[in-house]
Amino acid sequence: MARHIAEVHPERVPPQHLDGCELCLGYSRRNDGDVTLVWAQHRARGLFMPPSLARLL
């Protein structure tokens, strides 16, 4: 589901978590080709999962 949202509906992907999310911090420091899609999937999970679980993936 997260991949579908990130690829087909990128306008629905929330912005970077600015409240100390360790995964967002890590993704923002990476500079490889895979980070954009993986990071978008991480943020999109919050649209359909409880934040406490979505932030772990």
PDB file of N, CA and C in Angstrom:
ATOM      1  N   MET A   1       0.825  -1.183   0.000  1.00  0.00           N
ATOM      2  CA  MET A   1       0.000   0.000   0.000  1.00  0.00           C
ATOM      3  C   MET A   1       0.877   1.258   0.000  1.00  0.00           C
ATOM      4  N   ALA A   2       1.899   1.268   0.852  1.00  0.00           N
ATOM      5  CA  ALA A   2       2.778   2.446   0.929  1.00  0.00           C
ATOM      6  C   ALA A   2       3.498   2.675  -0.396  1.00  0.00           C
ATOM      7  N   ARG A   3       3.946   1.601  -1.023  1.00  0.00           N
ATOM      8  CA  ARG A   3       4.637   1.745  -2.314  1.00  0.00           C
ATOM      9  C   ARG A   3       3.686   2.296  -3.366  1.00  0.00           C
ATOM     10  N   HIS A   4       2.467   1.795  -3.395  1.00  0.00           N
ATOM     11  CA  HIS A   4       1.468   2.277  -4.352  1.00  0.00           C
ATOM     12  C   HIS A   4       1.243   3.786  -4.162  1.00  0.00           C
ATOM     13  N   ILE A   5       1.048   4.206  -2.931  1.00  0.00           N
ATOM     14  CA  ILE A   5       0.834   5.630  -2.665  1.00  0.00           C
ATOM     15  C   ILE A   5       2.045   6.438  -3.114  1.00  0.00           C
ATOM     16  N   ALA A   6       3.228   5.985  -2.768  1.00  0.00           N
ATOM     17  CA  ALA A   6       4.449   6.719  -3.117  1.00  0.00           C
ATOM     18  C   ALA A   6       4.659   6.812  -4.624  1.00  0.00           C
ATOM     19  N   GLU A   7       4.315   5.755  -5.350  1.00  0.00           N
ATOM     20  CA  GLU A   7       4.554   5.741  -6.800  1.00  0.00           C
ATOM     21  C   GLU A   7       3.421   6.371  -7.602  1.00  0.00           C
ATOM     22  N   VAL A   8       2.184   6.094  -7.227  1.00  0.00           N
ATOM     23  CA  VAL A   8       1.038   6.504  -8.045  1.00  0.00           C
ATOM     24  C   VAL A   8       0.375   7.788  -7.535  1.00  0.00           C
ATOM     25  N   HIS A   9       0.483   8.050  -6.245  1.00  0.00           N
ATOM     26  CA  HIS A   9      -0.159   9.218  -5.643  1.00  0.00           C
ATOM     27  C   HIS A   9       0.844  10.024  -4.799  1.00  0.00           C
ATOM     28  N   PRO A  10       1.960  10.435  -5.380  1.00  0.00           N
ATOM     29  CA  PRO A  10       2.991  11.112  -4.592  1.00  0.00           C
ATOM     30  C   PRO A  10       2.495  12.388  -3.910  1.00  0.00           C
ATOM     31  N   GLU A  11       1.465  13.004  -4.447  1.00  0.00           N
ATOM     32  CA  GLU A  11       0.925  14.217  -3.833  1.00  0.00           C
ATOM     33  C   GLU A  11       0.268  13.934  -2.485  1.00  0.00           C
ATOM     34  N   ARG A  12      -0.039  12.679  -2.200  1.00  0.00           N
ATOM     35  CA  ARG A  12      -0.661  12.278  -0.934  1.00  0.00           C
ATOM     36  C   ARG A  12       0.364  11.940   0.154  1.00  0.00           C
ATOM     37  N   VAL A  13       1.628  11.819  -0.223  1.00  0.00           N
ATOM     38  CA  VAL A  13       2.674  11.467   0.751  1.00  0.00           C
ATOM     39  C   VAL A  13       2.909  12.654   1.683  1.00  0.00           C
ATOM     40  N   PRO A  14       2.797  12.435   2.979  1.00  0.00           N
ATOM     41  CA  PRO A  14       3.040  13.525   3.941  1.00  0.00           C
ATOM     42  C   PRO A  14       4.494  14.003   3.890  1.00  0.00           C
ATOM     43  N   PRO A  15       4.739  15.208   4.389  1.00  0.00           N
ATOM     44  CA  PRO A  15       6.118  15.719   4.436  1.00  0.00           C
ATOM     45  C   PRO A  15       6.949  14.977   5.481  1.00  0.00           C
ATOM     46  N   GLN A  16       8.217  15.286   5.498  1.00  0.00           N
ATOM     47  CA  GLN A  16       9.161  14.701   6.457  1.00  0.00           C
ATOM     48  C   GLN A  16       8.653  14.900   7.879  1.00  0.00           C
ATOM     49  N   HIS A  17       8.829  13.885   8.714  1.00  0.00           N
ATOM     50  CA  HIS A  17       8.502  14.003  10.134  1.00  0.00           C
ATOM     51  C   HIS A  17       9.556  14.902  10.776  1.00  0.00           C
ATOM     52  N   LEU A  18       9.122  15.959  11.415  1.00  0.00           N
ATOM     53  CA  LEU A  18      10.055  16.928  12.001  1.00  0.00           C
ATOM     54  C   LEU A  18      10.102  16.857  13.521  1.00  0.00           C
ATOM     55  N   ASP A  19       9.613  15.754  14.076  1.00  0.00           N
ATOM     56  CA  ASP A  19       9.531  15.630  15.531  1.00  0.00           C
ATOM     57  C   ASP A  19      10.477  14.579  16.099  1.00  0.00           C
ATOM     58  N   GLY A  20      11.641  14.476  15.514  1.00  0.00           N
ATOM     59  CA  GLY A  20      12.644  13.553  16.039  1.00  0.00           C
ATOM     60  C   GLY A  20      12.574  12.145  15.481  1.00  0.00           C
ATOM     61  N   CYS A  21      11.920  11.944  14.354  1.00  0.00           N
ATOM     62  CA  CYS A  21      11.844  10.618  13.740  1.00  0.00           C
ATOM     63  C   CYS A  21      13.245  10.205  13.268  1.00  0.00           C
ATOM     64  N   GLU A  22      13.769   9.167  13.874  1.00  0.00           N
ATOM     65  CA  GLU A  22      15.123   8.708  13.542  1.00  0.00           C
ATOM     66  C   GLU A  22      15.227   8.216  12.092  1.00  0.00           C
ATOM     67  N   LEU A  23      14.178   7.577  11.580  1.00  0.00           N
ATOM     68  CA  LEU A  23      14.224   7.099  10.199  1.00  0.00           C
ATOM     69  C   LEU A  23      14.267   8.263   9.212  1.00  0.00           C
ATOM     70  N   CYS A  24      13.445   9.293   9.437  1.00  0.00           N
ATOM     71  CA  CYS A  24      13.489  10.462   8.553  1.00  0.00           C
ATOM     72  C   CYS A  24      14.860  11.128   8.600  1.00  0.00           C
ATOM     73  N   LEU A  25      15.422  11.218   9.777  1.00  0.00           N
ATOM     74  CA  LEU A  25      16.757  11.802   9.913  1.00  0.00           C
ATOM     75  C   LEU A  25      17.768  10.996   9.103  1.00  0.00           C
ATOM     76  N   GLY A  26      17.703   9.684   9.197  1.00  0.00           N
ATOM     77  CA  GLY A  26      18.604   8.825   8.438  1.00  0.00           C
ATOM     78  C   GLY A  26      18.403   8.949   6.937  1.00  0.00           C
ATOM     79  N   TYR A  27      17.137   8.949   6.512  1.00  0.00           N
ATOM     80  CA  TYR A  27      16.852   9.077   5.075  1.00  0.00           C
ATOM     81  C   TYR A  27      17.328  10.418   4.543  1.00  0.00           C
ATOM     82  N   SER A  28      17.179  11.482   5.322  1.00  0.00           N
ATOM     83  CA  SER A  28      17.583  12.809   4.851  1.00  0.00           C
ATOM     84  C   SER A  28      19.092  12.908   4.650  1.00  0.00           C
ATOM     85  N   ARG A  29      19.842  12.038   5.289  1.00  0.00           N
ATOM     86  CA  ARG A  29      21.311  12.059   5.178  1.00  0.00           C
ATOM     87  C   ARG A  29      21.839  11.174   4.056  1.00  0.00           C
ATOM     88  N   ARG A  30      20.966  10.310   3.527  1.00  0.00           N
ATOM     89  CA  ARG A  30      21.408   9.404   2.457  1.00  0.00           C
ATOM     90  C   ARG A  30      21.405  10.123   1.123  1.00  0.00           C
ATOM     91  N   ASN A  31      22.235   9.630   0.228  1.00  0.00           N
ATOM     92  CA  ASN A  31      22.345  10.249  -1.092  1.00  0.00           C
ATOM     93  C   ASN A  31      22.418   9.183  -2.182  1.00  0.00           C
ATOM     94  N   ASP A  32      21.588   8.149  -2.043  1.00  0.00           N
ATOM     95  CA  ASP A  32      21.597   7.115  -3.074  1.00  0.00           C
ATOM     96  C   ASP A  32      20.263   7.122  -3.806  1.00  0.00           C
ATOM     97  N   GLY A  33      20.176   6.394  -4.881  1.00  0.00           N
ATOM     98  CA  GLY A  33      18.995   6.402  -5.735  1.00  0.00           C
ATOM     99  C   GLY A  33      17.745   5.818  -5.117  1.00  0.00           C
ATOM    100  N   ASP A  34      17.876   4.936  -4.141  1.00  0.00           N
ATOM    101  CA  ASP A  34      16.714   4.272  -3.564  1.00  0.00           C
ATOM    102  C   ASP A  34      16.037   5.087  -2.467  1.00  0.00           C
ATOM    103  N   VAL A  35      16.694   6.065  -1.938  1.00  0.00           N
ATOM    104  CA  VAL A  35      16.192   6.738  -0.744  1.00  0.00           C
ATOM    105  C   VAL A  35      14.866   7.472  -0.982  1.00  0.00           C
ATOM    106  N   THR A  36      14.661   8.055  -2.134  1.00  0.00           N
ATOM    107  CA  THR A  36      13.450   8.833  -2.372  1.00  0.00           C
ATOM    108  C   THR A  36      12.194   7.984  -2.244  1.00  0.00           C
ATOM    109  N   LEU A  37      12.163   6.849  -2.911  1.00  0.00           N
ATOM    110  CA  LEU A  37      10.987   5.977  -2.853  1.00  0.00           C
ATOM    111  C   LEU A  37      10.829   5.337  -1.480  1.00  0.00           C
ATOM    112  N   VAL A  38      11.907   4.879  -0.898  1.00  0.00           N
ATOM    113  CA  VAL A  38      11.841   4.227   0.420  1.00  0.00           C
ATOM    114  C   VAL A  38      11.381   5.230   1.479  1.00  0.00           C
ATOM    115  N   TRP A  39      11.899   6.434   1.431  1.00  0.00           N
ATOM    116  CA  TRP A  39      11.517   7.459   2.392  1.00  0.00           C
ATOM    117  C   TRP A  39      10.044   7.842   2.218  1.00  0.00           C
ATOM    118  N   ALA A  40       9.595   7.965   0.972  1.00  0.00           N
ATOM    119  CA  ALA A  40       8.187   8.279   0.713  1.00  0.00           C
ATOM    120  C   ALA A  40       7.284   7.171   1.249  1.00  0.00           C
ATOM    121  N   GLN A  41       7.707   5.929   1.109  1.00  0.00           N
ATOM    122  CA  GLN A  41       6.914   4.817   1.637  1.00  0.00           C
ATOM    123  C   GLN A  41       6.847   4.894   3.160  1.00  0.00           C
ATOM    124  N   HIS A  42       7.944   5.217   3.791  1.00  0.00           N
ATOM    125  CA  HIS A  42       7.980   5.370   5.250  1.00  0.00           C
ATOM    126  C   HIS A  42       6.948   6.411   5.689  1.00  0.00           C
ATOM    127  N   ARG A  43       6.920   7.553   5.018  1.00  0.00           N
ATOM    128  CA  ARG A  43       5.995   8.618   5.390  1.00  0.00           C
ATOM    129  C   ARG A  43       4.552   8.270   5.048  1.00  0.00           C
ATOM    130  N   ALA A  44       4.333   7.557   3.957  1.00  0.00           N
ATOM    131  CA  ALA A  44       2.976   7.195   3.530  1.00  0.00           C
ATOM    132  C   ALA A  44       2.321   6.193   4.477  1.00  0.00           C
ATOM    133  N   ARG A  45       3.091   5.388   5.161  1.00  0.00           N
ATOM    134  CA  ARG A  45       2.512   4.386   6.064  1.00  0.00           C
ATOM    135  C   ARG A  45       1.641   5.021   7.139  1.00  0.00           C
ATOM    136  N   GLY A  46       1.937   6.250   7.511  1.00  0.00           N
ATOM    137  CA  GLY A  46       1.137   6.947   8.498  1.00  0.00           C
ATOM    138  C   GLY A  46      -0.276   7.247   8.036  1.00  0.00           C
ATOM    139  N   LEU A  47      -0.529   7.120   6.745  1.00  0.00           N
ATOM    140  CA  LEU A  47      -1.868   7.345   6.225  1.00  0.00           C
ATOM    141  C   LEU A  47      -2.809   6.180   6.525  1.00  0.00           C
ATOM    142  N   PHE A  48      -2.260   4.991   6.759  1.00  0.00           N
ATOM    143  CA  PHE A  48      -3.128   3.827   6.966  1.00  0.00           C
ATOM    144  C   PHE A  48      -2.710   2.940   8.138  1.00  0.00           C
ATOM    145  N   MET A  49      -1.706   3.357   8.874  1.00  0.00           N
ATOM    146  CA  MET A  49      -1.261   2.613  10.056  1.00  0.00           C
ATOM    147  C   MET A  49      -1.196   3.567  11.239  1.00  0.00           C
ATOM    148  N   PRO A  50      -1.351   3.057  12.457  1.00  0.00           N
ATOM    149  CA  PRO A  50      -1.136   3.924  13.621  1.00  0.00           C
ATOM    150  C   PRO A  50       0.297   4.453  13.604  1.00  0.00           C
ATOM    151  N   PRO A  51       0.493   5.716  13.908  1.00  0.00           N
ATOM    152  CA  PRO A  51       1.840   6.298  13.868  1.00  0.00           C
ATOM    153  C   PRO A  51       2.872   5.519  14.673  1.00  0.00           C
ATOM    154  N   SER A  52       2.474   4.953  15.797  1.00  0.00           N
ATOM    155  CA  SER A  52       3.438   4.214  16.608  1.00  0.00           C
ATOM    156  C   SER A  52       4.005   3.008  15.878  1.00  0.00           C
ATOM    157  N   LEU A  53       3.245   2.419  14.991  1.00  0.00           N
ATOM    158  CA  LEU A  53       3.731   1.286  14.187  1.00  0.00           C
ATOM    159  C   LEU A  53       4.382   1.768  12.902  1.00  0.00           C
ATOM    160  N   ALA A  54       3.780   2.744  12.252  1.00  0.00           N
ATOM    161  CA  ALA A  54       4.295   3.230  10.964  1.00  0.00           C
ATOM    162  C   ALA A  54       5.705   3.774  11.088  1.00  0.00           C
ATOM    163  N   ARG A  55       6.029   4.402  12.203  1.00  0.00           N
ATOM    164  CA  ARG A  55       7.346   4.994  12.386  1.00  0.00           C
ATOM    165  C   ARG A  55       8.443   3.950  12.570  1.00  0.00           C
ATOM    166  N   LEU A  56       8.060   2.720  12.829  1.00  0.00           N
ATOM    167  CA  LEU A  56       9.056   1.654  13.013  1.00  0.00           C
ATOM    168  C   LEU A  56       9.514   1.061  11.685  1.00  0.00           C
ATOM    169  N   LEU A  57       8.785   1.311  10.612  1.00  0.00           N
ATOM    170  CA  LEU A  57       9.075   0.683   9.320  1.00  0.00           C
ATOM    171  C   LEU A  57       9.716   1.642   8.364  1.00  0.00           C
TER     172      LEU A  57
END
